[in-house]
Amino acid sequence: LTDGSVSDMNATKHAIIAAANAPLSIIVVGIGGADFGPMHQLDNFSEVTQVQSRDIVQFVEFRNYQHDKRALVQATIAELPEQLVDYFIEKGIQPLP
């Protein structure tokens, strides 16, 4: 949960690149009325930076879903299945029969 922006975007980008090799997803929910532009950049990290990195960040603004818990949950976990499959493919992990 965050109520503001990233204080050190460069360090955050490096941390995301390093974490992309781990079985990890980063879910950030923005609370309040702050400008979350930088958080959206992190959500679209590989597209914005042209860095070849597995997409592990999902950012959702709470205010867009505050009156619909189901939609909030769906938006928050929307990318998890794809992130999991991408990790398995990248590591050559086959599903069990």
N, C-alpha and C. Protein backbone atom coordinates (compact mmCIF):
# COMPACT_ATOMS: atom_id res chain seq x y z
N LEU A 1 0.85 -1.18 0.00
CA LEU A 1 0.00 0.00 0.00
C LEU A 1 0.89 1.23 0.00
N THR A 2 0.49 2.22 -0.78
CA THR A 2 1.26 3.47 -0.81
C THR A 2 0.30 4.64 -0.89
N ASP A 3 0.69 5.73 -0.26
CA ASP A 3 -0.11 6.96 -0.34
C ASP A 3 0.65 8.04 -1.11
N GLY A 4 1.69 7.63 -1.78
CA GLY A 4 2.47 8.61 -2.52
C GLY A 4 3.26 7.98 -3.64
N SER A 5 4.26 8.70 -4.06
CA SER A 5 5.05 8.29 -5.20
C SER A 5 6.35 7.64 -4.74
N VAL A 6 7.11 7.20 -5.69
CA VAL A 6 8.41 6.58 -5.43
C VAL A 6 9.43 7.68 -5.18
N SER A 7 10.18 7.56 -4.08
CA SER A 7 11.16 8.61 -3.76
C SER A 7 12.46 8.45 -4.55
N ASP A 8 12.83 7.22 -4.90
CA ASP A 8 14.05 6.99 -5.67
C ASP A 8 13.72 6.02 -6.81
N MET A 9 13.27 6.57 -7.91
CA MET A 9 12.81 5.76 -9.04
C MET A 9 13.93 4.90 -9.61
N ASN A 10 15.14 5.43 -9.69
CA ASN A 10 16.26 4.67 -10.25
C ASN A 10 16.55 3.43 -9.41
N ALA A 11 16.61 3.59 -8.10
CA ALA A 11 16.87 2.45 -7.22
C ALA A 11 15.71 1.45 -7.29
N THR A 12 14.50 1.95 -7.40
CA THR A 12 13.34 1.07 -7.49
C THR A 12 13.39 0.25 -8.78
N LYS A 13 13.75 0.87 -9.88
CA LYS A 13 13.85 0.14 -11.15
C LYS A 13 14.92 -0.94 -11.07
N HIS A 14 16.06 -0.62 -10.47
CA HIS A 14 17.12 -1.62 -10.33
C HIS A 14 16.67 -2.78 -9.45
N ALA A 15 15.92 -2.47 -8.40
CA ALA A 15 15.41 -3.53 -7.51
C ALA A 15 14.42 -4.43 -8.25
N ILE A 16 13.58 -3.84 -9.10
CA ILE A 16 12.62 -4.64 -9.87
C ILE A 16 13.35 -5.54 -10.86
N ILE A 17 14.35 -5.01 -11.52
CA ILE A 17 15.13 -5.82 -12.47
C ILE A 17 15.78 -7.00 -11.74
N ALA A 18 16.36 -6.74 -10.58
CA ALA A 18 16.99 -7.81 -9.80
C ALA A 18 15.97 -8.84 -9.33
N ALA A 19 14.79 -8.38 -8.95
CA ALA A 19 13.76 -9.28 -8.42
C ALA A 19 13.06 -10.08 -9.52
N ALA A 20 13.17 -9.64 -10.77
CA ALA A 20 12.45 -10.29 -11.86
C ALA A 20 12.90 -11.73 -12.08
N ASN A 21 14.06 -12.10 -11.58
CA ASN A 21 14.54 -13.47 -11.72
C ASN A 21 14.02 -14.39 -10.62
N ALA A 22 13.36 -13.82 -9.64
CA ALA A 22 12.84 -14.60 -8.51
C ALA A 22 11.36 -14.92 -8.74
N PRO A 23 10.85 -15.95 -8.06
CA PRO A 23 9.42 -16.26 -8.16
C PRO A 23 8.63 -15.26 -7.31
N LEU A 24 8.49 -14.06 -7.83
CA LEU A 24 7.97 -12.95 -7.05
C LEU A 24 7.06 -12.08 -7.90
N SER A 25 5.98 -11.60 -7.31
CA SER A 25 5.13 -10.58 -7.91
C SER A 25 5.01 -9.44 -6.92
N ILE A 26 5.02 -8.23 -7.42
CA ILE A 26 4.90 -7.05 -6.58
C ILE A 26 3.56 -6.40 -6.89
N ILE A 27 2.70 -6.35 -5.89
CA ILE A 27 1.38 -5.74 -6.05
C ILE A 27 1.34 -4.49 -5.19
N VAL A 28 1.03 -3.36 -5.84
CA VAL A 28 0.99 -2.08 -5.14
C VAL A 28 -0.41 -1.50 -5.30
N VAL A 29 -1.00 -1.09 -4.18
CA VAL A 29 -2.30 -0.44 -4.21
C VAL A 29 -2.10 1.00 -3.76
N GLY A 30 -2.46 1.94 -4.63
CA GLY A 30 -2.34 3.36 -4.31
C GLY A 30 -3.56 3.85 -3.56
N ILE A 31 -3.33 4.45 -2.40
CA ILE A 31 -4.39 4.95 -1.53
C ILE A 31 -4.34 6.47 -1.52
N GLY A 32 -5.47 7.12 -1.69
CA GLY A 32 -5.53 8.57 -1.60
C GLY A 32 -5.53 9.23 -2.96
N GLY A 33 -5.30 10.53 -2.93
CA GLY A 33 -5.41 11.33 -4.15
C GLY A 33 -4.10 11.76 -4.76
N ALA A 34 -3.02 11.09 -4.44
CA ALA A 34 -1.70 11.46 -4.95
C ALA A 34 -1.60 11.25 -6.46
N ASP A 35 -0.60 11.85 -7.06
CA ASP A 35 -0.28 11.61 -8.47
C ASP A 35 0.50 10.30 -8.54
N PHE A 36 -0.10 9.28 -9.07
CA PHE A 36 0.53 7.96 -9.13
C PHE A 36 1.16 7.68 -10.48
N GLY A 37 1.47 8.72 -11.25
CA GLY A 37 2.10 8.54 -12.56
C GLY A 37 3.33 7.66 -12.52
N PRO A 38 4.27 7.91 -11.60
CA PRO A 38 5.45 7.05 -11.53
C PRO A 38 5.12 5.59 -11.20
N MET A 39 4.07 5.37 -10.42
CA MET A 39 3.69 3.99 -10.10
C MET A 39 3.16 3.29 -11.36
N HIS A 40 2.46 4.02 -12.21
CA HIS A 40 1.99 3.43 -13.47
C HIS A 40 3.18 3.10 -14.37
N GLN A 41 4.25 3.90 -14.29
CA GLN A 41 5.46 3.58 -15.06
C GLN A 41 6.05 2.25 -14.60
N LEU A 42 6.04 2.01 -13.29
CA LEU A 42 6.56 0.75 -12.77
C LEU A 42 5.67 -0.41 -13.19
N ASP A 43 4.37 -0.17 -13.27
CA ASP A 43 3.44 -1.21 -13.68
C ASP A 43 3.69 -1.62 -15.13
N ASN A 44 4.08 -0.67 -15.95
CA ASN A 44 4.40 -0.95 -17.36
C ASN A 44 5.90 -0.87 -17.59
N PHE A 45 6.64 -1.35 -16.65
CA PHE A 45 8.08 -1.17 -16.58
C PHE A 45 8.81 -1.57 -17.85
N SER A 46 8.60 -2.79 -18.33
CA SER A 46 9.37 -3.25 -19.48
C SER A 46 8.98 -2.49 -20.75
N GLU A 47 7.73 -2.04 -20.84
CA GLU A 47 7.30 -1.27 -22.01
C GLU A 47 7.89 0.13 -21.98
N VAL A 48 7.87 0.76 -20.81
CA VAL A 48 8.32 2.15 -20.68
C VAL A 48 9.83 2.27 -20.78
N THR A 49 10.56 1.33 -20.17
CA THR A 49 12.02 1.44 -20.10
C THR A 49 12.74 0.69 -21.21
N GLN A 50 12.02 -0.15 -21.95
CA GLN A 50 12.62 -0.98 -22.99
C GLN A 50 13.65 -1.95 -22.41
N VAL A 51 13.53 -2.26 -21.12
CA VAL A 51 14.41 -3.23 -20.47
C VAL A 51 13.76 -4.60 -20.56
N GLN A 52 14.52 -5.58 -21.00
CA GLN A 52 14.00 -6.94 -21.06
C GLN A 52 13.94 -7.50 -19.65
N SER A 53 12.77 -7.47 -19.08
CA SER A 53 12.58 -7.93 -17.72
C SER A 53 11.20 -8.53 -17.62
N ARG A 54 11.07 -9.59 -16.85
CA ARG A 54 9.76 -10.20 -16.63
C ARG A 54 8.87 -9.20 -15.90
N ASP A 55 7.62 -9.09 -16.32
CA ASP A 55 6.68 -8.16 -15.69
C ASP A 55 6.26 -8.73 -14.35
N ILE A 56 6.68 -8.10 -13.26
CA ILE A 56 6.32 -8.59 -11.93
C ILE A 56 5.54 -7.57 -11.12
N VAL A 57 5.24 -6.41 -11.70
CA VAL A 57 4.58 -5.35 -10.95
C VAL A 57 3.14 -5.16 -11.43
N GLN A 58 2.24 -5.07 -10.47
CA GLN A 58 0.85 -4.72 -10.75
C GLN A 58 0.49 -3.55 -9.83
N PHE A 59 0.06 -2.45 -10.42
CA PHE A 59 -0.34 -1.27 -9.65
C PHE A 59 -1.82 -0.99 -9.88
N VAL A 60 -2.53 -0.77 -8.79
CA VAL A 60 -3.96 -0.47 -8.85
C VAL A 60 -4.23 0.73 -7.96
N GLU A 61 -5.01 1.67 -8.48
CA GLU A 61 -5.44 2.81 -7.67
C GLU A 61 -6.74 2.46 -6.96
N PHE A 62 -6.71 2.47 -5.64
CA PHE A 62 -7.87 2.11 -4.85
C PHE A 62 -9.08 2.97 -5.18
N ARG A 63 -8.86 4.24 -5.41
CA ARG A 63 -9.99 5.16 -5.65
C ARG A 63 -10.81 4.76 -6.87
N ASN A 64 -10.21 4.04 -7.81
CA ASN A 64 -10.95 3.59 -8.99
C ASN A 64 -11.88 2.41 -8.69
N TYR A 65 -11.69 1.78 -7.54
CA TYR A 65 -12.46 0.57 -7.21
C TYR A 65 -13.04 0.62 -5.80
N GLN A 66 -13.00 1.76 -5.15
CA GLN A 66 -13.37 1.84 -3.74
C GLN A 66 -14.80 1.42 -3.44
N HIS A 67 -15.67 1.45 -4.42
CA HIS A 67 -17.06 1.08 -4.19
C HIS A 67 -17.40 -0.30 -4.75
N ASP A 68 -16.38 -1.01 -5.20
CA ASP A 68 -16.61 -2.33 -5.79
C ASP A 68 -15.47 -3.27 -5.39
N LYS A 69 -15.67 -3.96 -4.27
CA LYS A 69 -14.62 -4.84 -3.76
C LYS A 69 -14.23 -5.94 -4.75
N ARG A 70 -15.22 -6.48 -5.42
CA ARG A 70 -14.94 -7.56 -6.38
C ARG A 70 -14.03 -7.06 -7.51
N ALA A 71 -14.33 -5.89 -8.04
CA ALA A 71 -13.51 -5.32 -9.12
C ALA A 71 -12.11 -4.99 -8.60
N LEU A 72 -12.02 -4.54 -7.36
CA LEU A 72 -10.70 -4.25 -6.76
C LEU A 72 -9.86 -5.52 -6.70
N VAL A 73 -10.46 -6.59 -6.22
CA VAL A 73 -9.74 -7.86 -6.14
C VAL A 73 -9.33 -8.33 -7.53
N GLN A 74 -10.24 -8.27 -8.49
CA GLN A 74 -9.94 -8.71 -9.84
C GLN A 74 -8.79 -7.90 -10.45
N ALA A 75 -8.83 -6.58 -10.27
CA ALA A 75 -7.77 -5.73 -10.83
C ALA A 75 -6.44 -5.99 -10.14
N THR A 76 -6.51 -6.24 -8.84
CA THR A 76 -5.29 -6.43 -8.05
C THR A 76 -4.55 -7.71 -8.43
N ILE A 77 -5.28 -8.77 -8.67
CA ILE A 77 -4.63 -10.06 -8.98
C ILE A 77 -4.67 -10.42 -10.46
N ALA A 78 -5.11 -9.49 -11.30
CA ALA A 78 -5.30 -9.77 -12.73
C ALA A 78 -4.07 -10.33 -13.42
N GLU A 79 -2.89 -9.86 -13.08
CA GLU A 79 -1.67 -10.27 -13.79
C GLU A 79 -0.96 -11.45 -13.15
N LEU A 80 -1.39 -11.89 -11.98
CA LEU A 80 -0.69 -12.98 -11.29
C LEU A 80 -0.58 -14.26 -12.11
N PRO A 81 -1.65 -14.75 -12.72
CA PRO A 81 -1.50 -16.00 -13.48
C PRO A 81 -0.46 -15.89 -14.59
N GLU A 82 -0.48 -14.79 -15.33
CA GLU A 82 0.49 -14.62 -16.42
C GLU A 82 1.91 -14.49 -15.87
N GLN A 83 2.06 -13.80 -14.75
CA GLN A 83 3.39 -13.66 -14.15
C GLN A 83 3.92 -15.02 -13.70
N LEU A 84 3.06 -15.85 -13.16
CA LEU A 84 3.46 -17.19 -12.73
C LEU A 84 3.88 -18.04 -13.92
N VAL A 85 3.08 -18.04 -14.96
CA VAL A 85 3.39 -18.82 -16.17
C VAL A 85 4.68 -18.31 -16.81
N ASP A 86 4.85 -17.00 -16.89
CA ASP A 86 6.09 -16.44 -17.45
C ASP A 86 7.31 -16.91 -16.68
N TYR A 87 7.20 -16.95 -15.35
CA TYR A 87 8.32 -17.42 -14.53
C TYR A 87 8.63 -18.88 -14.85
N PHE A 88 7.59 -19.73 -14.90
CA PHE A 88 7.81 -21.14 -15.19
C PHE A 88 8.45 -21.33 -16.56
N ILE A 89 7.96 -20.62 -17.55
CA ILE A 89 8.52 -20.73 -18.90
C ILE A 89 9.99 -20.30 -18.91
N GLU A 90 10.25 -19.17 -18.28
CA GLU A 90 11.63 -18.64 -18.24
C GLU A 90 12.59 -19.62 -17.58
N LYS A 91 12.11 -20.34 -16.55
CA LYS A 91 12.97 -21.27 -15.81
C LYS A 91 12.90 -22.69 -16.35
N GLY A 92 12.09 -22.91 -17.39
CA GLY A 92 11.98 -24.25 -17.96
C GLY A 92 11.26 -25.24 -17.06
N ILE A 93 10.37 -24.76 -16.23
CA ILE A 93 9.62 -25.61 -15.32
C ILE A 93 8.34 -26.09 -16.01
N GLN A 94 8.22 -27.39 -16.14
CA GLN A 94 7.04 -27.99 -16.79
C GLN A 94 5.96 -28.26 -15.76
N PRO A 95 4.69 -28.13 -16.16
CA PRO A 95 3.60 -28.46 -15.22
C PRO A 95 3.59 -29.97 -14.93
N LEU A 96 3.12 -30.32 -13.76
CA LEU A 96 2.99 -31.73 -13.41
C LEU A 96 1.81 -32.33 -14.17
N PRO A 97 1.92 -33.61 -14.51
CA PRO A 97 0.81 -34.26 -15.26
C PRO A 97 -0.44 -34.37 -14.42
